[in-house]
PDB file of N, CA and C in Angstrom:
ATOM      1  N   UNK A   1     -47.737 -10.079  94.943  1.00  0.00           N
ATOM      2  CA  UNK A   1     -48.026  -9.783  93.581  1.00  0.00           C
ATOM      3  C   UNK A   1     -48.325 -11.085  92.272  1.00  0.00           C
ATOM      4  N   UNK A   2     -49.021 -12.430  92.977  1.00  0.00           N
ATOM      5  CA  UNK A   2     -48.649 -13.527  92.271  1.00  0.00           C
ATOM      6  C   UNK A   2     -50.362 -14.011  91.800  1.00  0.00           C
ATOM      7  N   UNK A   3     -51.302 -12.866  91.930  1.00  0.00           N
ATOM      8  CA  UNK A   3     -52.344 -12.627  90.970  1.00  0.00           C
ATOM      9  C   UNK A   3     -53.070 -13.944  91.473  1.00  0.00           C
ATOM     10  N   UNK A   4     -53.260 -13.988  93.229  1.00  0.00           N
ATOM     11  CA  UNK A   4     -54.379 -15.393  93.638  1.00  0.00           C
ATOM     12  C   UNK A   4     -54.861 -14.033  94.758  1.00  0.00           C
ATOM     13  N   UNK A   5     -56.180 -13.727  95.011  1.00  0.00           N
ATOM     14  CA  UNK A   5     -56.968 -13.162  95.286  1.00  0.00           C
ATOM     15  C   UNK A   5     -56.891 -13.525  96.857  1.00  0.00           C
ATOM     16  N   UNK A   6     -56.432 -12.772  98.011  1.00  0.00           N
ATOM     17  CA  UNK A   6     -56.637 -13.172  99.368  1.00  0.00           C
ATOM     18  C   UNK A   6     -58.198 -12.646  99.819  1.00  0.00           C
ATOM     19  N   UNK A   7     -58.865 -12.678  99.163  1.00  0.00           N
ATOM     20  CA  UNK A   7     -60.362 -11.991  99.427  1.00  0.00           C
ATOM     21  C   UNK A   7     -61.126 -13.225  98.843  1.00  0.00           C
ATOM     22  N   UNK A   8     -61.925 -14.320  99.627  1.00  0.00           N
ATOM     23  CA  UNK A   8     -62.840 -14.979  99.087  1.00  0.00           C
ATOM     24  C   UNK A   8     -63.933 -14.262  98.177  1.00  0.00           C
ATOM     25  N   UNK A   9     -64.456 -14.524  97.113  1.00  0.00           N
ATOM     26  CA  UNK A   9     -65.207 -13.876  96.092  1.00  0.00           C
ATOM     27  C   UNK A   9     -64.582 -13.063  95.313  1.00  0.00           C
ATOM     28  N   UNK A  10     -63.198 -12.511  95.533  1.00  0.00           N
ATOM     29  CA  UNK A  10     -62.717 -11.810  94.461  1.00  0.00           C
ATOM     30  C   UNK A  10     -61.856 -12.451  93.681  1.00  0.00           C
ATOM     31  N   UNK A  11     -61.615 -11.988  92.214  1.00  0.00           N
ATOM     32  CA  UNK A  11     -61.126 -12.894  91.010  1.00  0.00           C
ATOM     33  C   UNK A  11     -59.718 -12.529  91.098  1.00  0.00           C
ATOM     34  N   UNK A  12     -58.999 -14.354  90.311  1.00  0.00           N
ATOM     35  CA  UNK A  12     -57.603 -14.142  90.406  1.00  0.00           C
ATOM     36  C   UNK A  12     -57.317 -13.659  89.183  1.00  0.00           C
ATOM     37  N   UNK A  13     -56.217 -12.980  89.128  1.00  0.00           N
ATOM     38  CA  UNK A  13     -56.139 -12.362  88.048  1.00  0.00           C
ATOM     39  C   UNK A  13     -54.646 -13.085  87.202  1.00  0.00           C
ATOM     40  N   UNK A  14     -54.040 -13.970  88.100  1.00  0.00           N
ATOM     41  CA  UNK A  14     -53.312 -14.916  87.491  1.00  0.00           C
ATOM     42  C   UNK A  14     -53.754 -16.304  86.346  1.00  0.00           C
ATOM     43  N   UNK A  15     -53.023 -15.612  84.876  1.00  0.00           N
ATOM     44  CA  UNK A  15     -53.469 -16.402  84.204  1.00  0.00           C
ATOM     45  C   UNK A  15     -54.857 -16.416  83.498  1.00  0.00           C
ATOM     46  N   UNK A  16     -55.115 -15.149  83.601  1.00  0.00           N
ATOM     47  CA  UNK A  16     -56.301 -14.335  82.690  1.00  0.00           C
ATOM     48  C   UNK A  16     -55.856 -13.792  81.334  1.00  0.00           C
ATOM     49  N   UNK A  17     -56.784 -13.664  80.310  1.00  0.00           N
ATOM     50  CA  UNK A  17     -56.193 -13.338  79.045  1.00  0.00           C
ATOM     51  C   UNK A  17     -56.192 -11.906  79.439  1.00  0.00           C
ATOM     52  N   UNK A  18     -54.904 -11.634  78.573  1.00  0.00           N
ATOM     53  CA  UNK A  18     -54.180  -9.847  79.004  1.00  0.00           C
ATOM     54  C   UNK A  18     -55.434  -9.240  77.921  1.00  0.00           C
ATOM     55  N   UNK A  19     -56.343  -9.200  77.237  1.00  0.00           N
ATOM     56  CA  UNK A  19     -56.842  -8.678  76.306  1.00  0.00           C
ATOM     57  C   UNK A  19     -58.384  -8.669  77.653  1.00  0.00           C
ATOM     58  N   UNK A  20     -58.667  -9.590  78.037  1.00  0.00           N
ATOM     59  CA  UNK A  20     -59.822  -9.301  78.761  1.00  0.00           C
ATOM     60  C   UNK A  20     -59.405  -8.269  80.177  1.00  0.00           C
ATOM     61  N   UNK A  21     -57.923  -8.728  80.721  1.00  0.00           N
ATOM     62  CA  UNK A  21     -57.890  -7.627  81.771  1.00  0.00           C
ATOM     63  C   UNK A  21     -57.315  -6.049  81.163  1.00  0.00           C
ATOM     64  N   UNK A  22     -57.149  -5.908  79.986  1.00  0.00           N
ATOM     65  CA  UNK A  22     -57.015  -4.476  79.782  1.00  0.00           C
ATOM     66  C   UNK A  22     -58.730  -4.243  79.513  1.00  0.00           C
ATOM     67  N   UNK A  23     -59.619  -5.155  78.805  1.00  0.00           N
ATOM     68  CA  UNK A  23     -60.974  -4.555  78.622  1.00  0.00           C
ATOM     69  C   UNK A  23     -61.412  -4.294  79.899  1.00  0.00           C
ATOM     70  N   UNK A  24     -61.250  -4.556  81.117  1.00  0.00           N
ATOM     71  CA  UNK A  24     -61.974  -4.691  82.102  1.00  0.00           C
ATOM     72  C   UNK A  24     -61.577  -3.653  82.556  1.00  0.00           C
ATOM     73  N   UNK A  25     -59.876  -3.169  82.729  1.00  0.00           N
ATOM     74  CA  UNK A  25     -59.570  -1.997  83.513  1.00  0.00           C
ATOM     75  C   UNK A  25     -59.884  -0.576  82.574  1.00  0.00           C
ATOM     76  N   UNK A  26     -60.261  -0.764  81.307  1.00  0.00           N
ATOM     77  CA  UNK A  26     -60.336   0.542  80.574  1.00  0.00           C
ATOM     78  C   UNK A  26     -62.221   0.478  80.957  1.00  0.00           C
ATOM     79  N   UNK A  27     -62.980  -0.620  81.210  1.00  0.00           N
ATOM     80  CA  UNK A  27     -64.192  -0.249  81.379  1.00  0.00           C
ATOM     81  C   UNK A  27     -64.328   0.467  82.766  1.00  0.00           C
ATOM     82  N   UNK A  28     -63.569   0.125  83.779  1.00  0.00           N
ATOM     83  CA  UNK A  28     -63.675   1.086  85.123  1.00  0.00           C
ATOM     84  C   UNK A  28     -62.948   2.263  85.181  1.00  0.00           C
ATOM     85  N   UNK A  29     -62.132   2.339  84.185  1.00  0.00           N
ATOM     86  CA  UNK A  29     -61.838   3.618  83.797  1.00  0.00           C
ATOM     87  C   UNK A  29     -63.146   4.235  84.040  1.00  0.00           C
ATOM     88  N   UNK A  30     -63.458   4.450  82.535  1.00  0.00           N
ATOM     89  CA  UNK A  30     -64.487   4.741  81.902  1.00  0.00           C
ATOM     90  C   UNK A  30     -66.063   4.856  82.358  1.00  0.00           C
ATOM     91  N   UNK A  31     -66.300   3.956  83.783  1.00  0.00           N
ATOM     92  CA  UNK A  31     -67.469   4.022  84.755  1.00  0.00           C
ATOM     93  C   UNK A  31     -68.250   3.351  83.733  1.00  0.00           C
ATOM     94  N   UNK A  32     -67.728   2.403  82.664  1.00  0.00           N
ATOM     95  CA  UNK A  32     -68.672   1.473  82.264  1.00  0.00           C
ATOM     96  C   UNK A  32     -68.917   0.283  83.531  1.00  0.00           C
ATOM     97  N   UNK A  33     -68.260  -0.229  84.094  1.00  0.00           N
ATOM     98  CA  UNK A  33     -68.590  -1.104  85.076  1.00  0.00           C
ATOM     99  C   UNK A  33     -68.996  -0.447  86.262  1.00  0.00           C
ATOM    100  N   UNK A  34     -70.221  -1.245  86.860  1.00  0.00           N
ATOM    101  CA  UNK A  34     -70.748  -0.435  88.730  1.00  0.00           C
ATOM    102  C   UNK A  34     -70.494  -1.307  89.151  1.00  0.00           C
ATOM    103  N   UNK A  35     -71.011  -2.684  88.544  1.00  0.00           N
ATOM    104  CA  UNK A  35     -71.153  -3.568  90.031  1.00  0.00           C
ATOM    105  C   UNK A  35     -70.343  -4.110  90.628  1.00  0.00           C
ATOM    106  N   UNK A  36     -70.440  -4.492  91.805  1.00  0.00           N
ATOM    107  CA  UNK A  36     -69.430  -5.580  92.821  1.00  0.00           C
ATOM    108  C   UNK A  36     -68.041  -4.474  93.396  1.00  0.00           C
ATOM    109  N   UNK A  37     -67.036  -4.983  92.852  1.00  0.00           N
ATOM    110  CA  UNK A  37     -66.142  -4.232  93.197  1.00  0.00           C
ATOM    111  C   UNK A  37     -65.573  -2.541  92.339  1.00  0.00           C
ATOM    112  N   UNK A  38     -66.839  -1.812  91.316  1.00  0.00           N
ATOM    113  CA  UNK A  38     -66.474  -1.011  90.967  1.00  0.00           C
ATOM    114  C   UNK A  38     -65.960   0.476  91.521  1.00  0.00           C
ATOM    115  N   UNK A  39     -66.209   0.624  92.982  1.00  0.00           N
ATOM    116  CA  UNK A  39     -66.336   1.626  93.735  1.00  0.00           C
ATOM    117  C   UNK A  39     -64.844   1.264  93.962  1.00  0.00           C
ATOM    118  N   UNK A  40     -64.443   0.692  94.294  1.00  0.00           N
ATOM    119  CA  UNK A  40     -62.843   0.055  94.569  1.00  0.00           C
ATOM    120  C   UNK A  40     -61.949   0.306  93.512  1.00  0.00           C
ATOM    121  N   UNK A  41     -62.679  -0.278  91.956  1.00  0.00           N
ATOM    122  CA  UNK A  41     -61.440  -0.474  91.330  1.00  0.00           C
ATOM    123  C   UNK A  41     -61.369   0.707  90.036  1.00  0.00           C
ATOM    124  N   UNK A  42     -62.236   1.366  90.135  1.00  0.00           N
ATOM    125  CA  UNK A  42     -62.412   2.840  89.758  1.00  0.00           C
ATOM    126  C   UNK A  42     -61.491   3.669  90.092  1.00  0.00           C
ATOM    127  N   UNK A  43     -61.206   3.892  91.141  1.00  0.00           N
ATOM    128  CA  UNK A  43     -60.142   4.928  90.834  1.00  0.00           C
ATOM    129  C   UNK A  43     -58.516   4.473  91.070  1.00  0.00           C
ATOM    130  N   UNK A  44     -58.555   3.379  91.524  1.00  0.00           N
ATOM    131  CA  UNK A  44     -57.589   2.563  90.807  1.00  0.00           C
ATOM    132  C   UNK A  44     -57.320   2.510  89.302  1.00  0.00           C
ATOM    133  N   UNK A  45     -58.006   2.596  88.676  1.00  0.00           N
ATOM    134  CA  UNK A  45     -57.762   2.524  86.980  1.00  0.00           C
ATOM    135  C   UNK A  45     -57.868   3.669  86.968  1.00  0.00           C
ATOM    136  N   UNK A  46     -58.263   4.438  87.385  1.00  0.00           N
ATOM    137  CA  UNK A  46     -58.532   5.916  86.953  1.00  0.00           C
ATOM    138  C   UNK A  46     -56.835   6.785  86.863  1.00  0.00           C
ATOM    139  N   UNK A  47     -56.268   5.828  87.714  1.00  0.00           N
ATOM    140  CA  UNK A  47     -54.779   6.669  88.037  1.00  0.00           C
ATOM    141  C   UNK A  47     -53.973   5.813  86.592  1.00  0.00           C
ATOM    142  N   UNK A  48     -54.533   4.693  85.689  1.00  0.00           N
ATOM    143  CA  UNK A  48     -53.193   4.027  84.790  1.00  0.00           C
ATOM    144  C   UNK A  48     -53.750   4.604  83.705  1.00  0.00           C
ATOM    145  N   UNK A  49     -52.432   4.595  82.984  1.00  0.00           N
ATOM    146  CA  UNK A  49     -52.823   4.993  81.316  1.00  0.00           C
ATOM    147  C   UNK A  49     -52.725   3.861  80.482  1.00  0.00           C
ATOM    148  N   UNK A  50     -52.866   3.522  79.306  1.00  0.00           N
ATOM    149  CA  UNK A  50     -52.962   2.598  78.122  1.00  0.00           C
ATOM    150  C   UNK A  50     -51.756   1.499  78.602  1.00  0.00           C
ATOM    151  N   UNK A  51     -50.354   2.617  78.541  1.00  0.00           N
ATOM    152  CA  UNK A  51     -49.147   1.572  78.697  1.00  0.00           C
ATOM    153  C   UNK A  51     -48.871   0.749  79.840  1.00  0.00           C
ATOM    154  N   UNK A  52     -49.816   1.268  81.297  1.00  0.00           N
ATOM    155  CA  UNK A  52     -49.765   0.799  82.338  1.00  0.00           C
ATOM    156  C   UNK A  52     -50.838  -0.410  82.331  1.00  0.00           C
ATOM    157  N   UNK A  53     -51.862  -0.175  82.043  1.00  0.00           N
ATOM    158  CA  UNK A  53     -53.073  -1.351  81.658  1.00  0.00           C
ATOM    159  C   UNK A  53     -51.969  -2.320  80.781  1.00  0.00           C
ATOM    160  N   UNK A  54     -51.550  -2.088  79.552  1.00  0.00           N
ATOM    161  CA  UNK A  54     -51.046  -3.492  79.235  1.00  0.00           C
ATOM    162  C   UNK A  54     -49.900  -3.974  79.897  1.00  0.00           C
ATOM    163  N   UNK A  55     -48.878  -3.657  80.577  1.00  0.00           N
ATOM    164  CA  UNK A  55     -47.729  -3.775  81.388  1.00  0.00           C
ATOM    165  C   UNK A  55     -48.754  -4.545  82.381  1.00  0.00           C
ATOM    166  N   UNK A  56     -49.683  -4.324  83.194  1.00  0.00           N
ATOM    167  CA  UNK A  56     -50.320  -4.755  84.191  1.00  0.00           C
ATOM    168  C   UNK A  56     -50.489  -6.171  83.530  1.00  0.00           C
ATOM    169  N   UNK A  57     -51.784  -6.063  82.470  1.00  0.00           N
ATOM    170  CA  UNK A  57     -52.057  -7.591  81.858  1.00  0.00           C
ATOM    171  C   UNK A  57     -51.155  -8.334  81.302  1.00  0.00           C
ATOM    172  N   UNK A  58     -49.887  -8.060  80.661  1.00  0.00           N
ATOM    173  CA  UNK A  58     -48.874  -8.560  80.331  1.00  0.00           C
ATOM    174  C   UNK A  58     -48.401  -9.871  81.689  1.00  0.00           C
ATOM    175  N   UNK A  59     -47.979  -9.072  82.399  1.00  0.00           N
ATOM    176  CA  UNK A  59     -47.898  -9.534  83.649  1.00  0.00           C
ATOM    177  C   UNK A  59     -48.660 -10.587  84.175  1.00  0.00           C
ATOM    178  N   UNK A  60     -49.826 -10.220  84.502  1.00  0.00           N
ATOM    179  CA  UNK A  60     -51.047 -10.987  85.353  1.00  0.00           C
ATOM    180  C   UNK A  60     -51.193 -12.382  84.136  1.00  0.00           C
ATOM    181  N   UNK A  61     -51.254 -11.783  83.080  1.00  0.00           N
ATOM    182  CA  UNK A  61     -51.953 -13.177  81.882  1.00  0.00           C
ATOM    183  C   UNK A  61     -50.640 -14.048  81.843  1.00  0.00           C
ATOM    184  N   UNK A  62     -49.045 -13.928  82.121  1.00  0.00           N
ATOM    185  CA  UNK A  62     -48.111 -14.706  81.652  1.00  0.00           C
ATOM    186  C   UNK A  62     -47.730 -15.585  83.049  1.00  0.00           C
ATOM    187  N   UNK A  63     -48.390 -15.533  84.108  1.00  0.00           N
ATOM    188  CA  UNK A  63     -48.429 -16.376  85.273  1.00  0.00           C
ATOM    189  C   UNK A  63     -49.130 -17.420  85.610  1.00  0.00           C
ATOM    190  N   UNK A  64     -48.232 -18.792  85.844  1.00  0.00           N
ATOM    191  CA  UNK A  64     -48.810 -19.941  85.749  1.00  0.00           C
ATOM    192  C   UNK A  64     -49.245 -20.603  87.173  1.00  0.00           C
TER     193      UNK A  64
END
């Protein structure tokens, strides 16, 4: 869980802005993001509550 994607073309999470990550997760959860990885991300995001999203965002944003 170092935040570096192992799959080419998938985004790195390491060092991303925390609010950007929260907004992205909420958009997946609310099915507002429908392109690209949405089929993978929507079910994952639906399992997260607001605190889970904040915790994940805080973790990945602090990685250098």
